[in-house]
Protein backbone atom coordinates (compact mmCIF):
# COMPACT_ATOMS: atom_id res chain seq x y z
CA UNK A 1 10.42 -3.37 19.35
CA UNK A 2 12.39 -6.37 19.75
CA UNK A 3 14.25 -8.78 16.80
CA UNK A 4 11.61 -11.40 18.01
CA UNK A 5 8.82 -9.03 17.27
CA UNK A 6 10.07 -8.11 14.09
CA UNK A 7 10.69 -11.90 13.10
CA UNK A 8 7.38 -12.86 14.35
CA UNK A 9 5.63 -10.44 11.96
CA UNK A 10 6.98 -12.53 9.02
CA UNK A 11 5.34 -15.72 10.25
CA UNK A 12 1.63 -16.13 8.84
CA UNK A 13 -0.79 -16.33 11.76
CA UNK A 14 -4.25 -17.18 11.51
CA UNK A 15 -7.05 -14.99 12.31
CA UNK A 16 -10.85 -15.29 12.21
CA UNK A 17 -12.25 -17.01 8.87
CA UNK A 18 -12.82 -14.34 6.76
CA UNK A 19 -16.09 -13.40 5.15
CA UNK A 20 -16.80 -12.74 1.32
CA UNK A 21 -15.98 -9.16 1.22
CA UNK A 22 -18.99 -6.82 0.61
CA UNK A 23 -19.94 -5.95 -2.64
CA UNK A 24 -21.01 -2.37 -3.91
CA UNK A 25 -24.37 -2.17 -3.55
CA UNK A 26 -24.79 -4.44 -0.49
CA UNK A 27 -25.14 -3.40 3.22
CA UNK A 28 -21.92 -2.74 4.86
CA UNK A 29 -21.05 -4.71 7.85
CA UNK A 30 -21.86 -3.11 11.26
CA UNK A 31 -20.32 -3.94 14.79
CA UNK A 32 -20.06 -1.98 17.99
CA UNK A 33 -16.55 -1.14 17.10
CA UNK A 34 -17.57 0.19 13.57
CA UNK A 35 -21.16 0.89 13.45
CA UNK A 36 -22.53 1.62 10.11
CA UNK A 37 -24.43 3.70 9.08
CA UNK A 38 -23.28 6.10 11.99
CA UNK A 39 -26.01 7.77 14.02
CA UNK A 40 -25.65 11.09 12.39
CA UNK A 41 -26.03 9.34 9.01
CA UNK A 42 -22.90 10.67 7.34
CA UNK A 43 -20.87 8.73 4.97
CA UNK A 44 -17.70 6.75 5.96
CA UNK A 45 -14.69 5.93 4.22
CA UNK A 46 -12.70 2.96 5.89
CA UNK A 47 -9.00 1.94 5.26
CA UNK A 48 -7.99 -1.49 7.14
CA UNK A 49 -3.84 -1.01 7.26
CA UNK A 50 -1.10 -3.44 6.99
CA UNK A 51 0.91 -3.90 9.97
CA UNK A 52 2.03 -0.62 11.83
CA UNK A 53 5.61 -0.27 10.83
CA UNK A 54 4.85 -0.81 7.27
CA UNK A 55 5.54 1.98 4.77
CA UNK A 56 2.56 1.30 2.89
CA UNK A 57 0.26 1.48 6.02
CA UNK A 58 1.89 4.88 6.83
CA UNK A 59 1.52 6.26 3.30
CA UNK A 60 -2.01 5.08 3.16
CA UNK A 61 -2.56 6.88 6.64
CA UNK A 62 -1.11 9.86 5.44
CA UNK A 63 -3.39 10.27 2.32
CA UNK A 64 -6.45 9.21 4.62
CA UNK A 65 -5.71 11.92 7.11
CA UNK A 66 -5.08 14.68 4.41
CA UNK A 67 -8.57 13.87 2.69
CA UNK A 68 -10.20 13.76 6.17
CA UNK A 69 -9.01 17.52 6.87
CA UNK A 70 -10.49 18.52 3.57
CA UNK A 71 -13.77 16.59 4.33
CA UNK A 72 -15.41 17.28 7.70
CA UNK A 73 -18.53 15.76 6.53
CA UNK A 74 -17.06 12.46 6.20
CA UNK A 75 -16.20 9.91 8.70
CA UNK A 76 -12.77 8.39 8.13
CA UNK A 77 -11.51 5.14 9.88
CA UNK A 78 -8.13 3.55 9.99
CA UNK A 79 -8.43 0.10 11.27
CA UNK A 80 -5.05 -1.47 12.80
CA UNK A 81 -4.72 -4.95 13.68
CA UNK A 82 -1.33 -4.11 15.73
CA UNK A 83 -1.81 -4.06 19.41
CA UNK A 84 -2.99 -1.03 21.07
CA UNK A 85 0.30 0.11 22.43
CA UNK A 86 2.04 -0.78 19.14
CA UNK A 87 -0.57 1.29 17.13
CA UNK A 88 -0.04 4.17 19.74
CA UNK A 89 3.46 3.92 19.58
CA UNK A 90 3.51 4.02 15.78
CA UNK A 91 0.88 6.80 15.36
CA UNK A 92 3.16 8.80 17.91
CA UNK A 93 5.90 8.43 15.62
CA UNK A 94 4.49 9.64 12.26
CA UNK A 95 5.16 13.20 10.91
CA UNK A 96 2.72 15.72 12.33
CA UNK A 97 0.01 17.37 10.09
CA UNK A 98 1.39 20.47 7.95
CA UNK A 99 1.92 23.65 9.77
CA UNK A 100 1.46 21.67 13.00
CA UNK A 101 -2.18 21.47 12.61
CA UNK A 102 -4.13 19.12 14.88
CA UNK A 103 -5.32 15.78 13.13
CA UNK A 104 -9.02 16.00 11.82
CA UNK A 105 -11.59 15.36 14.27
CA UNK A 106 -13.43 13.03 11.86
CA UNK A 107 -10.53 10.80 11.32
CA UNK A 108 -10.63 7.88 14.03
CA UNK A 109 -7.91 5.24 14.46
CA UNK A 110 -9.32 1.70 15.67
CA UNK A 111 -7.37 -1.03 17.05
CA UNK A 112 -8.62 -4.60 15.76
CA UNK A 113 -5.99 -6.76 17.31
CA UNK A 114 -8.02 -9.96 17.20
CA UNK A 115 -9.02 -8.92 13.55
CA UNK A 116 -12.54 -9.68 13.80
CA UNK A 117 -13.36 -6.38 11.69
CA UNK A 118 -10.82 -7.79 9.24
CA UNK A 119 -12.59 -10.95 8.96
CA UNK A 120 -16.07 -9.16 8.76
CA UNK A 121 -14.95 -7.28 5.81
CA UNK A 122 -13.33 -10.14 3.89
CA UNK A 123 -9.52 -9.55 4.63
CA UNK A 124 -7.48 -12.49 5.25
CA UNK A 125 -3.96 -13.97 5.03
CA UNK A 126 -2.00 -12.67 1.79
CA UNK A 127 -0.04 -14.84 -0.52
CA UNK A 128 3.69 -14.71 -0.77
CA UNK A 129 3.32 -12.67 -4.15
CA UNK A 130 0.85 -10.25 -2.66
CA UNK A 131 3.74 -9.28 -0.12
CA UNK A 132 6.84 -9.98 -2.15
CA UNK A 133 5.94 -8.76 -5.33
CA UNK A 134 8.81 -7.30 -7.46
CA UNK A 135 6.71 -4.03 -8.15
CA UNK A 136 5.54 -3.54 -4.48
CA UNK A 137 9.39 -3.97 -3.35
CA UNK A 138 10.42 -1.11 -5.85
CA UNK A 139 7.34 1.06 -4.78
CA UNK A 140 8.86 0.38 -1.17
CA UNK A 141 12.33 1.80 -2.28
CA UNK A 142 10.61 4.71 -4.17
CA UNK A 143 8.92 5.35 -0.78
CA UNK A 144 11.71 5.49 0.87
CA UNK A 145 13.97 7.65 -1.47
CA UNK A 146 11.47 9.83 -2.73
CA UNK A 147 9.20 10.66 0.01
CA UNK A 148 11.40 9.53 3.15
CA UNK A 149 8.94 6.73 4.29
CA UNK A 150 10.80 3.92 5.54
CA UNK A 151 10.01 0.97 7.42
CA UNK A 152 9.52 1.78 10.99
CA UNK A 153 9.72 -0.73 14.02
CA UNK A 154 7.17 -3.49 13.98
CA UNK A 155 6.06 -4.22 17.53
CA UNK A 156 3.08 -6.40 16.84
CA UNK A 157 1.00 -7.64 13.87
CA UNK A 158 1.70 -9.71 10.64
CA UNK A 159 3.08 -8.96 7.42
CA UNK A 160 0.67 -11.31 5.84
CA UNK A 161 -2.65 -9.63 6.75
CA UNK A 162 -4.30 -8.16 3.63
CA UNK A 163 -5.39 -4.58 3.61
CA UNK A 164 -8.53 -3.05 1.91
CA UNK A 165 -10.36 0.01 1.70
CA UNK A 166 -14.09 0.98 1.52
CA UNK A 167 -16.43 3.75 1.20
CA UNK A 168 -20.03 3.49 2.76
CA UNK A 169 -22.71 5.98 2.21
CA UNK A 170 -25.21 7.55 5.00
CA UNK A 171 -27.53 4.63 4.73
CA UNK A 172 -24.89 2.34 5.25
CA UNK A 173 -24.36 1.00 1.69
CA UNK A 174 -21.12 0.24 0.26
CA UNK A 175 -20.38 2.15 -2.76
CA UNK A 176 -16.51 1.55 -3.49
CA UNK A 177 -13.98 -0.59 -2.44
CA UNK A 178 -12.45 -4.10 -2.07
CA UNK A 179 -9.44 -6.05 -0.98
CA UNK A 180 -6.09 -4.81 -2.28
CA UNK A 181 -4.61 -7.07 -4.91
CA UNK A 182 -1.08 -5.88 -4.01
CA UNK A 183 0.46 -4.89 -0.69
CA UNK A 184 1.85 -1.43 -2.08
CA UNK A 185 -1.72 -0.17 -3.10
CA UNK A 186 -2.56 3.13 -1.85
CA UNK A 187 -5.97 4.85 -2.86
CA UNK A 188 -6.44 8.01 -3.99
CA UNK A 189 -8.97 8.88 -1.45
CA UNK A 190 -9.97 12.00 -3.20
CA UNK A 191 -11.29 9.95 -6.10
CA UNK A 192 -12.77 7.72 -3.31
CA UNK A 193 -14.60 10.90 -2.11
CA UNK A 194 -16.00 11.48 -5.60
CA UNK A 195 -17.13 7.93 -5.64
CA UNK A 196 -18.90 8.14 -2.71
CA UNK A 197 -20.51 11.34 -3.68
CA UNK A 198 -21.78 10.02 -7.00
CA UNK A 199 -25.10 8.41 -7.26
CA UNK A 200 -23.79 5.08 -8.47
CA UNK A 201 -20.37 3.95 -7.04
CA UNK A 202 -18.28 1.38 -9.08
CA UNK A 203 -15.90 -1.51 -7.45
CA UNK A 204 -12.48 -0.58 -7.65
CA UNK A 205 -10.08 -2.93 -9.11
CA UNK A 206 -7.76 -2.80 -6.04
């Protein structure tokens, strides 16, 4: 991490033109990087992270990892738009699982530095208010003081990239999700599991 890389993360960078976010009840986008439905027909929960180093990304990953450990019959994917090396360094710096348990095998961290996946799922560049809303800044302070989650070095990635979360059933239909409205939004993934397991998902107001 250098001062230049931290500074660069504050400049808005253009990625691929985002598509319209998939709606509940529609077929999920599928690519070789994220094949949906998966060959084994299991449901999938996906979170598109903010940049590696962001406390909100770290909190989201912790919550996703915990749910993955509780639900081995669901695939969990965390998508990073930071570089492969920056993603690996960030991942290695995170606190381990409780009791030293290994990370669940049904959790996969995918690098999408070109942001093609982000674009296919409708995730583009955020507004100033999205990133720097007073409520988000207060949540940032609370994460640090109450949970010890502070900013980590940002080696690559953009602070202006929006994040999002989706749940897809075993036949590739979106059951829940959307683009987040504020940078500090962290899903309750246990509620997402309940949505995924219900007969009729509802679009979450992220």
